Structure formats: structure tokens, C-alpha cells
């Protein structure tokens, strides 16, 4: 409904209005309300991106979101075409 009325999504509006630092936190909160499995999948991808793994972020995510990890596995495979296990 928001996108039809204003021409862009809530995600884009938060990004535009809140800037980098506040926008990232707001986008995460919005993502957890609208698309929680995809949001956690992106967070896990962020933790494992690059040469090193951010082990603290990865471990915290796995512990905190263990109740929804089954759905997150599926979302991660759909988004990134890779299994979390590999």
C-alpha cells in the first residue's frame, strides 16, 4: 500500500530519511517485522562475508534466532543459492 501511494517502498523511505547509521538500524527493525527470515539470512551473510568470518556476530545470530533457523536456512538458500552448512 505504501509503495502504491508514494512510489517507493518503506525500505527505501527509511534509507533516504534516516541516513546511514540510523537507517541501518531502522531497516533491520523493519525487516524483522516484514521479512524476518530473509533479514536474518542477510545478517548471517554479512557475518560470513569477505576473507574472515565475524564469529561473534555469527554465533550471536545462531543463538538468538535458533527458533526460526529452519526458515532462515530456506530463505538463505533461496536468496544466495548456498547452504548455511557449507
PDB file of N, CA and C in Angstrom:
ATOM      1  N   UNK A   1       0.826  -1.176   0.000  1.00  0.00           N
ATOM      2  CA  UNK A   1       0.000   0.000   0.000  1.00  0.00           C
ATOM      3  C   UNK A   1       0.877   1.248   0.000  1.00  0.00           C
ATOM      4  N   UNK A   2       1.937   1.251   0.824  1.00  0.00           N
ATOM      5  CA  UNK A   2       2.825   2.412   0.899  1.00  0.00           C
ATOM      6  C   UNK A   2       3.490   2.671  -0.455  1.00  0.00           C
ATOM      7  N   UNK A   3       3.954   1.610  -1.091  1.00  0.00           N
ATOM      8  CA  UNK A   3       4.634   1.757  -2.381  1.00  0.00           C
ATOM      9  C   UNK A   3       3.684   2.291  -3.448  1.00  0.00           C
ATOM     10  N   UNK A   4       2.437   1.869  -3.419  1.00  0.00           N
ATOM     11  CA  UNK A   4       1.454   2.376  -4.377  1.00  0.00           C
ATOM     12  C   UNK A   4       1.174   3.856  -4.163  1.00  0.00           C
ATOM     13  N   UNK A   5       1.136   4.280  -2.913  1.00  0.00           N
ATOM     14  CA  UNK A   5       0.811   5.669  -2.589  1.00  0.00           C
ATOM     15  C   UNK A   5       1.974   6.607  -2.876  1.00  0.00           C
ATOM     16  N   UNK A   6       3.198   6.230  -2.463  1.00  0.00           N
ATOM     17  CA  UNK A   6       4.343   7.136  -2.540  1.00  0.00           C
ATOM     18  C   UNK A   6       5.340   6.826  -3.651  1.00  0.00           C
ATOM     19  N   UNK A   7       5.222   5.695  -4.282  1.00  0.00           N
ATOM     20  CA  UNK A   7       6.091   5.382  -5.407  1.00  0.00           C
ATOM     21  C   UNK A   7       7.380   4.679  -5.038  1.00  0.00           C
ATOM     22  N   UNK A   8       7.615   4.435  -3.762  1.00  0.00           N
ATOM     23  CA  UNK A   8       8.779   3.667  -3.344  1.00  0.00           C
ATOM     24  C   UNK A   8       8.449   2.934  -2.051  1.00  0.00           C
ATOM     25  N   UNK A   9       9.255   1.925  -1.733  1.00  0.00           N
ATOM     26  CA  UNK A   9       8.954   1.057  -0.600  1.00  0.00           C
ATOM     27  C   UNK A   9       9.327   1.714   0.721  1.00  0.00           C
ATOM     28  N   UNK A  10       8.834   1.124   1.797  1.00  0.00           N
ATOM     29  CA  UNK A  10       9.211   1.601   3.132  1.00  0.00           C
ATOM     30  C   UNK A  10      10.712   1.481   3.366  1.00  0.00           C
ATOM     31  N   UNK A  11      11.316   0.439   2.828  1.00  0.00           N
ATOM     32  CA  UNK A  11      12.754   0.260   2.981  1.00  0.00           C
ATOM     33  C   UNK A  11      13.508   1.443   2.375  1.00  0.00           C
ATOM     34  N   UNK A  12      13.098   1.855   1.193  1.00  0.00           N
ATOM     35  CA  UNK A  12      13.745   2.979   0.514  1.00  0.00           C
ATOM     36  C   UNK A  12      13.498   4.281   1.278  1.00  0.00           C
ATOM     37  N   UNK A  13      12.298   4.461   1.814  1.00  0.00           N
ATOM     38  CA  UNK A  13      11.969   5.664   2.574  1.00  0.00           C
ATOM     39  C   UNK A  13      12.827   5.757   3.838  1.00  0.00           C
ATOM     40  N   UNK A  14      12.991   4.645   4.552  1.00  0.00           N
ATOM     41  CA  UNK A  14      13.821   4.644   5.761  1.00  0.00           C
ATOM     42  C   UNK A  14      15.262   4.970   5.405  1.00  0.00           C
ATOM     43  N   UNK A  15      15.764   4.356   4.350  1.00  0.00           N
ATOM     44  CA  UNK A  15      17.128   4.587   3.906  1.00  0.00           C
ATOM     45  C   UNK A  15      17.352   6.057   3.575  1.00  0.00           C
ATOM     46  N   UNK A  16      16.419   6.634   2.858  1.00  0.00           N
ATOM     47  CA  UNK A  16      16.521   8.019   2.393  1.00  0.00           C
ATOM     48  C   UNK A  16      16.421   9.014   3.550  1.00  0.00           C
ATOM     49  N   UNK A  17      15.489   8.789   4.451  1.00  0.00           N
ATOM     50  CA  UNK A  17      15.218   9.756   5.512  1.00  0.00           C
ATOM     51  C   UNK A  17      16.172   9.658   6.695  1.00  0.00           C
ATOM     52  N   UNK A  18      16.636   8.477   7.033  1.00  0.00           N
ATOM     53  CA  UNK A  18      17.399   8.301   8.259  1.00  0.00           C
ATOM     54  C   UNK A  18      18.907   8.248   8.064  1.00  0.00           C
ATOM     55  N   UNK A  19      19.375   8.174   6.853  1.00  0.00           N
ATOM     56  CA  UNK A  19      20.811   8.153   6.619  1.00  0.00           C
ATOM     57  C   UNK A  19      21.435   6.807   6.911  1.00  0.00           C
ATOM     58  N   UNK A  20      22.738   6.784   6.934  1.00  0.00           N
ATOM     59  CA  UNK A  20      23.480   5.527   7.047  1.00  0.00           C
ATOM     60  C   UNK A  20      23.334   4.870   8.421  1.00  0.00           C
ATOM     61  N   UNK A  21      23.687   5.579   9.488  1.00  0.00           N
ATOM     62  CA  UNK A  21      23.740   4.946  10.804  1.00  0.00           C
ATOM     63  C   UNK A  21      22.349   4.633  11.357  1.00  0.00           C
ATOM     64  N   UNK A  22      21.493   5.612  11.407  1.00  0.00           N
ATOM     65  CA  UNK A  22      20.145   5.372  11.903  1.00  0.00           C
ATOM     66  C   UNK A  22      19.340   4.522  10.951  1.00  0.00           C
ATOM     67  N   UNK A  23      19.617   4.685   9.668  1.00  0.00           N
ATOM     68  CA  UNK A  23      18.888   3.930   8.652  1.00  0.00           C
ATOM     69  C   UNK A  23      19.143   2.447   8.717  1.00  0.00           C
ATOM     70  N   UNK A  24      20.366   2.062   9.020  1.00  0.00           N
ATOM     71  CA  UNK A  24      20.698   0.633   9.082  1.00  0.00           C
ATOM     72  C   UNK A  24      19.927  -0.055  10.217  1.00  0.00           C
ATOM     73  N   UNK A  25      19.864   0.585  11.362  1.00  0.00           N
ATOM     74  CA  UNK A  25      19.123   0.022  12.494  1.00  0.00           C
ATOM     75  C   UNK A  25      17.625  -0.011  12.196  1.00  0.00           C
ATOM     76  N   UNK A  26      17.122   1.051  11.604  1.00  0.00           N
ATOM     77  CA  UNK A  26      15.696   1.113  11.275  1.00  0.00           C
ATOM     78  C   UNK A  26      15.334   0.082  10.212  1.00  0.00           C
ATOM     79  N   UNK A  27      16.199  -0.097   9.219  1.00  0.00           N
ATOM     80  CA  UNK A  27      15.951  -1.091   8.176  1.00  0.00           C
ATOM     81  C   UNK A  27      15.947  -2.502   8.759  1.00  0.00           C
ATOM     82  N   UNK A  28      16.845  -2.758   9.712  1.00  0.00           N
ATOM     83  CA  UNK A  28      16.873  -4.070  10.349  1.00  0.00           C
ATOM     84  C   UNK A  28      15.567  -4.317  11.108  1.00  0.00           C
ATOM     85  N   UNK A  29      15.120  -3.317  11.858  1.00  0.00           N
ATOM     86  CA  UNK A  29      13.876  -3.452  12.620  1.00  0.00           C
ATOM     87  C   UNK A  29      12.689  -3.650  11.694  1.00  0.00           C
ATOM     88  N   UNK A  30      12.621  -2.872  10.634  1.00  0.00           N
ATOM     89  CA  UNK A  30      11.540  -3.023   9.658  1.00  0.00           C
ATOM     90  C   UNK A  30      11.599  -4.401   9.007  1.00  0.00           C
ATOM     91  N   UNK A  31      12.799  -4.835   8.648  1.00  0.00           N
ATOM     92  CA  UNK A  31      12.972  -6.156   8.043  1.00  0.00           C
ATOM     93  C   UNK A  31      12.535  -7.281   8.962  1.00  0.00           C
ATOM     94  N   UNK A  32      12.812  -7.137  10.256  1.00  0.00           N
ATOM     95  CA  UNK A  32      12.404  -8.171  11.205  1.00  0.00           C
ATOM     96  C   UNK A  32      10.891  -8.217  11.371  1.00  0.00           C
ATOM     97  N   UNK A  33      10.213  -7.120  11.121  1.00  0.00           N
ATOM     98  CA  UNK A  33       8.749  -7.098  11.194  1.00  0.00           C
ATOM     99  C   UNK A  33       8.115  -7.638   9.906  1.00  0.00           C
ATOM    100  N   UNK A  34       8.671  -7.264   8.761  1.00  0.00           N
ATOM    101  CA  UNK A  34       8.060  -7.629   7.483  1.00  0.00           C
ATOM    102  C   UNK A  34       8.587  -8.936   6.900  1.00  0.00           C
ATOM    103  N   UNK A  35       9.903  -9.156   6.979  1.00  0.00           N
ATOM    104  CA  UNK A  35      10.537 -10.340   6.391  1.00  0.00           C
ATOM    105  C   UNK A  35      11.620 -10.866   7.340  1.00  0.00           C
ATOM    106  N   UNK A  36      11.232 -11.464   8.450  1.00  0.00           N
ATOM    107  CA  UNK A  36      12.243 -11.856   9.446  1.00  0.00           C
ATOM    108  C   UNK A  36      13.236 -12.909   8.959  1.00  0.00           C
ATOM    109  N   UNK A  37      12.776 -13.882   8.190  1.00  0.00           N
ATOM    110  CA  UNK A  37      13.679 -14.952   7.758  1.00  0.00           C
ATOM    111  C   UNK A  37      14.725 -14.429   6.784  1.00  0.00           C
ATOM    112  N   UNK A  38      14.311 -13.591   5.856  1.00  0.00           N
ATOM    113  CA  UNK A  38      15.245 -13.012   4.895  1.00  0.00           C
ATOM    114  C   UNK A  38      16.217 -12.046   5.586  1.00  0.00           C
ATOM    115  N   UNK A  39      15.726 -11.321   6.575  1.00  0.00           N
ATOM    116  CA  UNK A  39      16.576 -10.373   7.299  1.00  0.00           C
ATOM    117  C   UNK A  39      17.677 -11.098   8.060  1.00  0.00           C
ATOM    118  N   UNK A  40      17.342 -12.175   8.733  1.00  0.00           N
ATOM    119  CA  UNK A  40      18.355 -12.949   9.462  1.00  0.00           C
ATOM    120  C   UNK A  40      19.312 -13.619   8.471  1.00  0.00           C
ATOM    121  N   UNK A  41      18.808 -14.072   7.332  1.00  0.00           N
ATOM    122  CA  UNK A  41      19.676 -14.665   6.306  1.00  0.00           C
ATOM    123  C   UNK A  41      20.695 -13.635   5.816  1.00  0.00           C
ATOM    124  N   UNK A  42      20.264 -12.394   5.622  1.00  0.00           N
ATOM    125  CA  UNK A  42      21.194 -11.325   5.212  1.00  0.00           C
ATOM    126  C   UNK A  42      22.211 -11.035   6.310  1.00  0.00           C
ATOM    127  N   UNK A  43      21.782 -11.097   7.553  1.00  0.00           N
ATOM    128  CA  UNK A  43      22.688 -10.863   8.673  1.00  0.00           C
ATOM    129  C   UNK A  43      23.743 -11.961   8.767  1.00  0.00           C
ATOM    130  N   UNK A  44      23.347 -13.198   8.529  1.00  0.00           N
ATOM    131  CA  UNK A  44      24.316 -14.298   8.519  1.00  0.00           C
ATOM    132  C   UNK A  44      25.286 -14.145   7.356  1.00  0.00           C
ATOM    133  N   UNK A  45      24.774 -13.737   6.213  1.00  0.00           N
ATOM    134  CA  UNK A  45      25.642 -13.488   5.054  1.00  0.00           C
ATOM    135  C   UNK A  45      26.655 -12.388   5.371  1.00  0.00           C
ATOM    136  N   UNK A  46      26.187 -11.339   6.053  1.00  0.00           N
ATOM    137  CA  UNK A  46      27.070 -10.232   6.443  1.00  0.00           C
ATOM    138  C   UNK A  46      28.166 -10.725   7.385  1.00  0.00           C
ATOM    139  N   UNK A  47      27.831 -11.642   8.285  1.00  0.00           N
ATOM    140  CA  UNK A  47      28.798 -12.167   9.248  1.00  0.00           C
ATOM    141  C   UNK A  47      29.862 -13.026   8.574  1.00  0.00           C
ATOM    142  N   UNK A  48      29.524 -13.658   7.461  1.00  0.00           N
ATOM    143  CA  UNK A  48      30.464 -14.572   6.796  1.00  0.00           C
ATOM    144  C   UNK A  48      31.073 -13.981   5.534  1.00  0.00           C
ATOM    145  N   UNK A  49      30.760 -12.744   5.231  1.00  0.00           N
ATOM    146  CA  UNK A  49      31.226 -12.109   4.004  1.00  0.00           C
ATOM    147  C   UNK A  49      32.701 -11.711   4.124  1.00  0.00           C
ATOM    148  N   UNK A  50      33.418 -11.833   3.032  1.00  0.00           N
ATOM    149  CA  UNK A  50      34.803 -11.389   3.000  1.00  0.00           C
ATOM    150  C   UNK A  50      35.786 -12.482   3.369  1.00  0.00           C
ATOM    151  N   UNK A  51      37.000 -12.057   3.677  1.00  0.00           N
ATOM    152  CA  UNK A  51      38.059 -13.018   3.975  1.00  0.00           C
ATOM    153  C   UNK A  51      37.876 -13.701   5.315  1.00  0.00           C
ATOM    154  N   UNK A  52      37.484 -12.951   6.320  1.00  0.00           N
ATOM    155  CA  UNK A  52      37.310 -13.529   7.644  1.00  0.00           C
ATOM    156  C   UNK A  52      35.844 -13.610   8.020  1.00  0.00           C
ATOM    157  N   UNK A  53      35.570 -14.447   8.981  1.00  0.00           N
ATOM    158  CA  UNK A  53      34.207 -14.569   9.485  1.00  0.00           C
ATOM    159  C   UNK A  53      34.121 -13.808  10.797  1.00  0.00           C
ATOM    160  N   UNK A  54      33.073 -13.020  10.943  1.00  0.00           N
ATOM    161  CA  UNK A  54      32.824 -12.342  12.206  1.00  0.00           C
ATOM    162  C   UNK A  54      32.149 -13.371  13.115  1.00  0.00           C
ATOM    163  N   UNK A  55      32.968 -14.095  13.847  1.00  0.00           N
ATOM    164  CA  UNK A  55      32.477 -15.222  14.638  1.00  0.00           C
ATOM    165  C   UNK A  55      31.514 -14.786  15.732  1.00  0.00           C
ATOM    166  N   UNK A  56      31.737 -13.620  16.308  1.00  0.00           N
ATOM    167  CA  UNK A  56      30.845 -13.137  17.363  1.00  0.00           C
ATOM    168  C   UNK A  56      29.458 -12.872  16.803  1.00  0.00           C
ATOM    169  N   UNK A  57      29.392 -12.172  15.680  1.00  0.00           N
ATOM    170  CA  UNK A  57      28.097 -11.874  15.052  1.00  0.00           C
ATOM    171  C   UNK A  57      27.396 -13.158  14.618  1.00  0.00           C
ATOM    172  N   UNK A  58      28.137 -14.070  14.018  1.00  0.00           N
ATOM    173  CA  UNK A  58      27.562 -15.332  13.559  1.00  0.00           C
ATOM    174  C   UNK A  58      27.018 -16.155  14.726  1.00  0.00           C
ATOM    175  N   UNK A  59      27.809 -16.296  15.773  1.00  0.00           N
ATOM    176  CA  UNK A  59      27.384 -17.076  16.937  1.00  0.00           C
ATOM    177  C   UNK A  59      26.174 -16.441  17.618  1.00  0.00           C
ATOM    178  N   UNK A  60      26.198 -15.131  17.771  1.00  0.00           N
ATOM    179  CA  UNK A  60      25.060 -14.438  18.388  1.00  0.00           C
ATOM    180  C   UNK A  60      23.784 -14.634  17.571  1.00  0.00           C
ATOM    181  N   UNK A  61      23.904 -14.583  16.253  1.00  0.00           N
ATOM    182  CA  UNK A  61      22.730 -14.784  15.400  1.00  0.00           C
ATOM    183  C   UNK A  61      22.178 -16.195  15.522  1.00  0.00           C
ATOM    184  N   UNK A  62      23.051 -17.170  15.521  1.00  0.00           N
ATOM    185  CA  UNK A  62      22.607 -18.558  15.605  1.00  0.00           C
ATOM    186  C   UNK A  62      21.920 -18.820  16.946  1.00  0.00           C
ATOM    187  N   UNK A  63      22.480 -18.278  18.014  1.00  0.00           N
ATOM    188  CA  UNK A  63      21.867 -18.477  19.333  1.00  0.00           C
ATOM    189  C   UNK A  63      20.566 -17.694  19.457  1.00  0.00           C
ATOM    190  N   UNK A  64      20.581 -16.444  19.055  1.00  0.00           N
ATOM    191  CA  UNK A  64      19.396 -15.595  19.230  1.00  0.00           C
ATOM    192  C   UNK A  64      18.215 -16.046  18.386  1.00  0.00           C
ATOM    193  N   UNK A  65      18.488 -16.464  17.160  1.00  0.00           N
ATOM    194  CA  UNK A  65      17.406 -16.805  16.230  1.00  0.00           C
ATOM    195  C   UNK A  65      17.254 -18.302  16.019  1.00  0.00           C
ATOM    196  N   UNK A  66      17.660 -19.114  16.995  1.00  0.00           N
ATOM    197  CA  UNK A  66      17.595 -20.559  16.840  1.00  0.00           C
ATOM    198  C   UNK A  66      16.173 -21.073  16.638  1.00  0.00           C
ATOM    199  N   UNK A  67      15.185 -20.367  17.136  1.00  0.00           N
ATOM    200  CA  UNK A  67      13.793 -20.799  16.966  1.00  0.00           C
ATOM    201  C   UNK A  67      13.311 -20.736  15.522  1.00  0.00           C
ATOM    202  N   UNK A  68      13.899 -19.835  14.727  1.00  0.00           N
ATOM    203  CA  UNK A  68      13.451 -19.665  13.341  1.00  0.00           C
ATOM    204  C   UNK A  68      14.494 -20.124  12.326  1.00  0.00           C
ATOM    205  N   UNK A  69      15.553 -20.788  12.793  1.00  0.00           N
ATOM    206  CA  UNK A  69      16.651 -21.145  11.885  1.00  0.00           C
ATOM    207  C   UNK A  69      16.221 -22.069  10.748  1.00  0.00           C
ATOM    208  N   UNK A  70      15.242 -22.898  10.960  1.00  0.00           N
ATOM    209  CA  UNK A  70      14.755 -23.753   9.872  1.00  0.00           C
ATOM    210  C   UNK A  70      14.257 -22.926   8.696  1.00  0.00           C
ATOM    211  N   UNK A  71      13.521 -21.875   8.987  1.00  0.00           N
ATOM    212  CA  UNK A  71      13.027 -20.979   7.943  1.00  0.00           C
ATOM    213  C   UNK A  71      14.163 -20.136   7.353  1.00  0.00           C
ATOM    214  N   UNK A  72      15.121 -19.776   8.205  1.00  0.00           N
ATOM    215  CA  UNK A  72      16.257 -18.970   7.746  1.00  0.00           C
ATOM    216  C   UNK A  72      17.110 -19.770   6.768  1.00  0.00           C
ATOM    217  N   UNK A  73      17.300 -21.075   7.011  1.00  0.00           N
ATOM    218  CA  UNK A  73      18.048 -21.928   6.081  1.00  0.00           C
ATOM    219  C   UNK A  73      17.427 -21.876   4.686  1.00  0.00           C
ATOM    220  N   UNK A  74      16.118 -22.015   4.642  1.00  0.00           N
ATOM    221  CA  UNK A  74      15.412 -21.991   3.350  1.00  0.00           C
ATOM    222  C   UNK A  74      15.556 -20.629   2.690  1.00  0.00           C
ATOM    223  N   UNK A  75      15.372 -19.561   3.451  1.00  0.00           N
ATOM    224  CA  UNK A  75      15.495 -18.205   2.900  1.00  0.00           C
ATOM    225  C   UNK A  75      16.909 -17.951   2.394  1.00  0.00           C
ATOM    226  N   UNK A  76      17.914 -18.413   3.127  1.00  0.00           N
ATOM    227  CA  UNK A  76      19.310 -18.212   2.723  1.00  0.00           C
ATOM    228  C   UNK A  76      19.594 -18.926   1.398  1.00  0.00           C
ATOM    229  N   UNK A  77      19.108 -20.147   1.271  1.00  0.00           N
ATOM    230  CA  UNK A  77      19.317 -20.885   0.027  1.00  0.00           C
ATOM    231  C   UNK A  77      18.608 -20.220  -1.148  1.00  0.00           C
ATOM    232  N   UNK A  78      17.423 -19.692  -0.936  1.00  0.00           N
ATOM    233  CA  UNK A  78      16.704 -19.009  -1.998  1.00  0.00           C
ATOM    234  C   UNK A  78      17.376 -17.704  -2.390  1.00  0.00           C
ATOM    235  N   UNK A  79      17.862 -16.951  -1.415  1.00  0.00           N
ATOM    236  CA  UNK A  79      18.481 -15.646  -1.691  1.00  0.00           C
ATOM    237  C   UNK A  79      19.871 -15.763  -2.292  1.00  0.00           C
ATOM    238  N   UNK A  80      20.690 -16.641  -1.740  1.00  0.00           N
ATOM    239  CA  UNK A  80      22.102 -16.680  -2.100  1.00  0.00           C
ATOM    240  C   UNK A  80      22.531 -17.949  -2.833  1.00  0.00           C
ATOM    241  N   UNK A  81      21.602 -18.885  -3.041  1.00  0.00           N
ATOM    242  CA  UNK A  81      21.888 -20.143  -3.743  1.00  0.00           C
ATOM    243  C   UNK A  81      22.998 -20.945  -3.069  1.00  0.00           C
ATOM    244  N   UNK A  82      23.118 -20.772  -1.753  1.00  0.00           N
ATOM    245  CA  UNK A  82      24.127 -21.510  -0.966  1.00  0.00           C
ATOM    246  C   UNK A  82      23.500 -21.949   0.333  1.00  0.00           C
ATOM    247  N   UNK A  83      23.964 -23.089   0.809  1.00  0.00           N
ATOM    248  CA  UNK A  83      23.506 -23.593   2.095  1.00  0.00           C
ATOM    249  C   UNK A  83      24.294 -22.919   3.209  1.00  0.00           C
ATOM    250  N   UNK A  84      23.689 -22.730   4.345  1.00  0.00           N
ATOM    251  CA  UNK A  84      24.397 -22.185   5.503  1.00  0.00           C
ATOM    252  C   UNK A  84      25.410 -23.192   6.027  1.00  0.00           C
ATOM    253  N   UNK A  85      25.147 -24.457   5.830  1.00  0.00           N
ATOM    254  CA  UNK A  85      26.013 -25.510   6.351  1.00  0.00           C
ATOM    255  C   UNK A  85      27.359 -25.590   5.641  1.00  0.00           C
ATOM    256  N   UNK A  86      27.443 -25.109   4.432  1.00  0.00           N
ATOM    257  CA  UNK A  86      28.698 -25.239   3.676  1.00  0.00           C
ATOM    258  C   UNK A  86      29.584 -24.039   3.861  1.00  0.00           C
TER     259      UNK A  86
END
